[in-house]
């Protein structure tokens, strides 16, 4: 049985890339285990705008009700597919 806490297990979760404005953000792990965010932007203007937002102020919140793009929409499951109409 492992002695790790949920927080320790969660800290090893791998992040996928995400979009930040008109930039694609990726979380990169270095050889020494440190992580940082890299942004690939479509233009210098987009890069400068992203940098300005990050330098001015960043707020990190916990919201368990946040909807992530890769989460399937909540709701009743779809019914069975309709039978194709065939002529006899």
N, C-alpha and C. Protein backbone atom coordinates (compact mmCIF):
# COMPACT_ATOMS: atom_id res chain seq x y z
N UNK A 1 0.85 -1.18 0.00
CA UNK A 1 0.00 0.00 0.00
C UNK A 1 0.89 1.24 0.00
N UNK A 2 0.57 2.23 -0.78
CA UNK A 2 1.39 3.43 -0.93
C UNK A 2 1.08 4.43 0.18
N UNK A 3 2.10 5.18 0.58
CA UNK A 3 1.93 6.21 1.59
C UNK A 3 1.71 7.59 0.98
N UNK A 4 1.59 7.67 -0.35
CA UNK A 4 1.41 8.96 -1.01
C UNK A 4 0.03 9.53 -0.72
N UNK A 5 -0.03 10.85 -0.57
CA UNK A 5 -1.31 11.52 -0.39
C UNK A 5 -1.90 11.80 -1.76
N UNK A 6 -3.18 12.16 -1.80
CA UNK A 6 -3.82 12.53 -3.07
C UNK A 6 -3.11 13.72 -3.70
N UNK A 7 -2.64 14.66 -2.89
CA UNK A 7 -1.96 15.84 -3.41
C UNK A 7 -0.66 15.44 -4.10
N UNK A 8 0.09 14.50 -3.53
CA UNK A 8 1.33 14.05 -4.15
C UNK A 8 1.03 13.32 -5.46
N UNK A 9 -0.01 12.51 -5.48
CA UNK A 9 -0.36 11.80 -6.69
C UNK A 9 -0.82 12.78 -7.76
N UNK A 10 -1.60 13.79 -7.37
CA UNK A 10 -2.11 14.78 -8.31
C UNK A 10 -0.97 15.62 -8.88
N UNK A 11 0.08 15.86 -8.11
CA UNK A 11 1.17 16.70 -8.58
C UNK A 11 1.90 16.07 -9.76
N UNK A 12 1.74 14.77 -9.96
CA UNK A 12 2.39 14.10 -11.08
C UNK A 12 1.50 14.03 -12.31
N UNK A 13 0.30 14.59 -12.23
CA UNK A 13 -0.61 14.57 -13.37
C UNK A 13 0.02 15.31 -14.54
N UNK A 14 -0.04 14.70 -15.71
CA UNK A 14 0.52 15.33 -16.90
C UNK A 14 -0.52 16.28 -17.50
N UNK A 15 -0.09 17.48 -17.83
CA UNK A 15 -0.97 18.47 -18.43
C UNK A 15 -0.89 18.35 -19.94
N UNK A 16 -2.01 18.52 -20.59
CA UNK A 16 -2.05 18.57 -22.05
C UNK A 16 -1.85 20.02 -22.46
N UNK A 17 -1.64 20.24 -23.74
CA UNK A 17 -1.55 21.60 -24.24
C UNK A 17 -2.90 22.29 -24.13
N UNK A 18 -2.87 23.60 -24.16
CA UNK A 18 -4.11 24.37 -24.11
C UNK A 18 -3.93 25.66 -24.88
N UNK A 19 -5.03 26.33 -25.19
CA UNK A 19 -4.96 27.58 -25.92
C UNK A 19 -5.03 28.73 -24.94
N UNK A 20 -4.16 29.71 -25.16
CA UNK A 20 -4.12 30.91 -24.33
C UNK A 20 -4.18 32.09 -25.29
N UNK A 21 -5.37 32.67 -25.46
CA UNK A 21 -5.55 33.71 -26.46
C UNK A 21 -5.30 33.11 -27.84
N UNK A 22 -4.42 33.73 -28.61
CA UNK A 22 -4.07 33.20 -29.94
C UNK A 22 -2.72 32.49 -29.89
N UNK A 23 -2.46 31.87 -28.74
CA UNK A 23 -1.21 31.12 -28.56
C UNK A 23 -1.54 29.70 -28.10
N UNK A 24 -0.70 28.77 -28.51
CA UNK A 24 -0.83 27.40 -28.03
C UNK A 24 0.15 27.23 -26.88
N UNK A 25 -0.36 26.85 -25.73
CA UNK A 25 0.47 26.69 -24.54
C UNK A 25 0.73 25.22 -24.29
N UNK A 26 1.96 24.92 -23.86
CA UNK A 26 2.35 23.56 -23.55
C UNK A 26 3.11 23.57 -22.24
N UNK A 27 2.83 22.60 -21.38
CA UNK A 27 3.58 22.45 -20.14
C UNK A 27 4.74 21.51 -20.44
N UNK A 28 5.96 22.00 -20.17
CA UNK A 28 7.17 21.24 -20.48
C UNK A 28 7.86 20.86 -19.17
N UNK A 29 8.29 19.60 -19.07
CA UNK A 29 9.04 19.13 -17.91
C UNK A 29 10.51 19.00 -18.30
N UNK A 30 11.38 19.65 -17.54
CA UNK A 30 12.80 19.58 -17.83
C UNK A 30 13.40 18.29 -17.26
N UNK A 31 14.65 18.02 -17.58
CA UNK A 31 15.32 16.80 -17.13
C UNK A 31 15.38 16.72 -15.60
N UNK A 32 15.46 17.88 -14.94
CA UNK A 32 15.54 17.87 -13.48
C UNK A 32 14.16 17.84 -12.81
N UNK A 33 13.09 17.65 -13.61
CA UNK A 33 11.75 17.49 -13.06
C UNK A 33 10.97 18.78 -12.88
N UNK A 34 11.56 19.92 -13.20
CA UNK A 34 10.85 21.20 -13.07
C UNK A 34 9.95 21.40 -14.30
N UNK A 35 8.79 22.03 -14.07
CA UNK A 35 7.85 22.27 -15.16
C UNK A 35 7.68 23.76 -15.39
N UNK A 36 7.44 24.12 -16.64
CA UNK A 36 7.14 25.50 -17.00
C UNK A 36 6.21 25.49 -18.21
N UNK A 37 5.65 26.65 -18.50
CA UNK A 37 4.72 26.80 -19.62
C UNK A 37 5.46 27.48 -20.77
N UNK A 38 5.30 26.93 -21.97
CA UNK A 38 5.82 27.56 -23.18
C UNK A 38 4.65 27.92 -24.07
N UNK A 39 4.69 29.14 -24.66
CA UNK A 39 3.63 29.60 -25.56
C UNK A 39 4.18 29.74 -26.96
N UNK A 40 3.47 29.18 -27.93
CA UNK A 40 3.77 29.37 -29.35
C UNK A 40 2.64 30.22 -29.91
N UNK A 41 2.97 31.46 -30.30
CA UNK A 41 1.94 32.42 -30.72
C UNK A 41 2.01 32.65 -32.23
N UNK A 42 0.87 33.06 -32.80
CA UNK A 42 0.79 33.27 -34.23
C UNK A 42 1.54 34.52 -34.69
N UNK A 43 1.72 35.49 -33.83
CA UNK A 43 2.42 36.72 -34.21
C UNK A 43 3.11 37.32 -33.00
N UNK A 44 3.98 38.29 -33.26
CA UNK A 44 4.65 38.99 -32.16
C UNK A 44 3.63 39.74 -31.30
N UNK A 45 2.61 40.30 -31.95
CA UNK A 45 1.57 41.02 -31.21
C UNK A 45 0.86 40.07 -30.25
N UNK A 46 0.51 38.87 -30.72
CA UNK A 46 -0.15 37.89 -29.86
C UNK A 46 0.76 37.50 -28.70
N UNK A 47 2.05 37.31 -28.98
CA UNK A 47 3.02 36.98 -27.94
C UNK A 47 3.11 38.09 -26.90
N UNK A 48 3.17 39.33 -27.37
CA UNK A 48 3.29 40.47 -26.46
C UNK A 48 2.04 40.62 -25.59
N UNK A 49 0.86 40.37 -26.18
CA UNK A 49 -0.38 40.46 -25.40
C UNK A 49 -0.43 39.38 -24.33
N UNK A 50 -0.02 38.16 -24.67
CA UNK A 50 -0.01 37.07 -23.69
C UNK A 50 0.99 37.38 -22.57
N UNK A 51 2.16 37.89 -22.94
CA UNK A 51 3.17 38.23 -21.94
C UNK A 51 2.66 39.33 -21.01
N UNK A 52 1.97 40.33 -21.57
CA UNK A 52 1.44 41.42 -20.75
C UNK A 52 0.44 40.91 -19.73
N UNK A 53 -0.43 40.00 -20.15
CA UNK A 53 -1.43 39.44 -19.23
C UNK A 53 -0.73 38.67 -18.12
N UNK A 54 0.23 37.83 -18.48
CA UNK A 54 0.92 37.01 -17.48
C UNK A 54 1.77 37.85 -16.53
N UNK A 55 2.40 38.91 -17.05
CA UNK A 55 3.24 39.75 -16.20
C UNK A 55 2.43 40.63 -15.27
N UNK A 56 1.24 41.07 -15.71
CA UNK A 56 0.44 41.99 -14.90
C UNK A 56 -0.12 41.29 -13.67
N UNK A 57 -0.87 40.22 -13.89
CA UNK A 57 -1.45 39.51 -12.76
C UNK A 57 -2.03 38.19 -13.23
N UNK A 58 -1.79 37.15 -12.48
CA UNK A 58 -2.37 35.84 -12.76
C UNK A 58 -3.07 35.36 -11.51
N UNK A 59 -4.33 34.97 -11.64
CA UNK A 59 -5.10 34.44 -10.52
C UNK A 59 -5.35 32.96 -10.76
N UNK A 60 -5.07 32.16 -9.78
CA UNK A 60 -5.30 30.72 -9.87
C UNK A 60 -6.40 30.35 -8.89
N UNK A 61 -7.45 29.73 -9.40
CA UNK A 61 -8.59 29.38 -8.56
C UNK A 61 -8.87 27.88 -8.67
N UNK A 62 -9.51 27.36 -7.64
CA UNK A 62 -10.00 25.99 -7.66
C UNK A 62 -11.51 26.07 -7.82
N UNK A 63 -12.01 25.44 -8.88
CA UNK A 63 -13.44 25.40 -9.14
C UNK A 63 -13.78 24.02 -9.68
N UNK A 64 -14.25 23.12 -8.82
CA UNK A 64 -14.52 21.76 -9.27
C UNK A 64 -15.64 21.67 -10.31
N UNK A 65 -16.41 22.75 -10.50
CA UNK A 65 -17.50 22.72 -11.47
C UNK A 65 -17.08 23.24 -12.84
N UNK A 66 -15.80 23.59 -13.01
CA UNK A 66 -15.33 24.11 -14.29
C UNK A 66 -15.46 23.03 -15.36
N UNK A 67 -15.87 23.44 -16.56
CA UNK A 67 -16.05 22.52 -17.67
C UNK A 67 -14.80 22.55 -18.54
N UNK A 68 -14.17 21.41 -18.71
CA UNK A 68 -12.98 21.31 -19.54
C UNK A 68 -13.39 20.85 -20.94
N UNK A 69 -12.63 21.27 -21.95
CA UNK A 69 -12.96 20.94 -23.32
C UNK A 69 -13.01 19.44 -23.58
N UNK A 70 -12.15 18.65 -22.92
CA UNK A 70 -12.11 17.23 -23.20
C UNK A 70 -13.09 16.42 -22.36
N UNK A 71 -13.95 17.11 -21.60
CA UNK A 71 -14.95 16.44 -20.78
C UNK A 71 -16.22 16.27 -21.60
N UNK A 72 -16.76 15.07 -21.68
CA UNK A 72 -18.01 14.91 -22.45
C UNK A 72 -19.13 15.70 -21.80
N UNK A 73 -20.05 16.24 -22.59
CA UNK A 73 -21.15 17.02 -22.02
C UNK A 73 -22.03 16.17 -21.12
N UNK A 74 -22.49 16.78 -20.04
CA UNK A 74 -23.37 16.08 -19.11
C UNK A 74 -24.76 15.97 -19.70
N UNK A 75 -25.46 14.96 -19.33
CA UNK A 75 -26.82 14.81 -19.82
C UNK A 75 -27.13 13.36 -20.04
N UNK A 76 -28.37 13.09 -20.40
CA UNK A 76 -28.75 11.69 -20.62
C UNK A 76 -28.02 11.13 -21.83
N UNK A 77 -27.71 9.85 -21.79
CA UNK A 77 -27.04 9.24 -22.94
C UNK A 77 -27.97 9.21 -24.15
N UNK A 78 -27.37 9.27 -25.31
CA UNK A 78 -28.16 9.23 -26.54
C UNK A 78 -28.84 7.87 -26.66
N UNK A 79 -30.03 7.87 -27.25
CA UNK A 79 -30.77 6.63 -27.44
C UNK A 79 -30.14 5.79 -28.53
N UNK A 80 -30.71 4.62 -28.79
CA UNK A 80 -30.15 3.76 -29.83
C UNK A 80 -30.27 4.44 -31.19
N UNK A 81 -29.36 4.11 -32.10
CA UNK A 81 -29.44 4.74 -33.43
C UNK A 81 -30.71 4.30 -34.14
N UNK A 82 -31.22 5.19 -34.97
CA UNK A 82 -32.45 4.86 -35.70
C UNK A 82 -32.15 3.79 -36.74
N UNK A 83 -33.13 2.92 -36.95
CA UNK A 83 -33.00 1.87 -37.96
C UNK A 83 -33.11 2.49 -39.34
N UNK A 84 -32.27 2.08 -40.27
CA UNK A 84 -32.37 2.62 -41.63
C UNK A 84 -33.68 2.16 -42.26
N UNK A 85 -34.28 3.03 -43.07
CA UNK A 85 -35.53 2.71 -43.74
C UNK A 85 -35.19 1.94 -45.01
N UNK A 86 -35.78 0.77 -45.15
CA UNK A 86 -35.58 -0.02 -46.36
C UNK A 86 -36.93 -0.31 -46.97
N UNK A 87 -36.99 -0.31 -48.28
CA UNK A 87 -38.24 -0.62 -48.97
C UNK A 87 -38.28 -2.10 -49.29
N UNK A 88 -39.43 -2.71 -49.10
CA UNK A 88 -39.57 -4.13 -49.39
C UNK A 88 -40.35 -4.36 -50.63
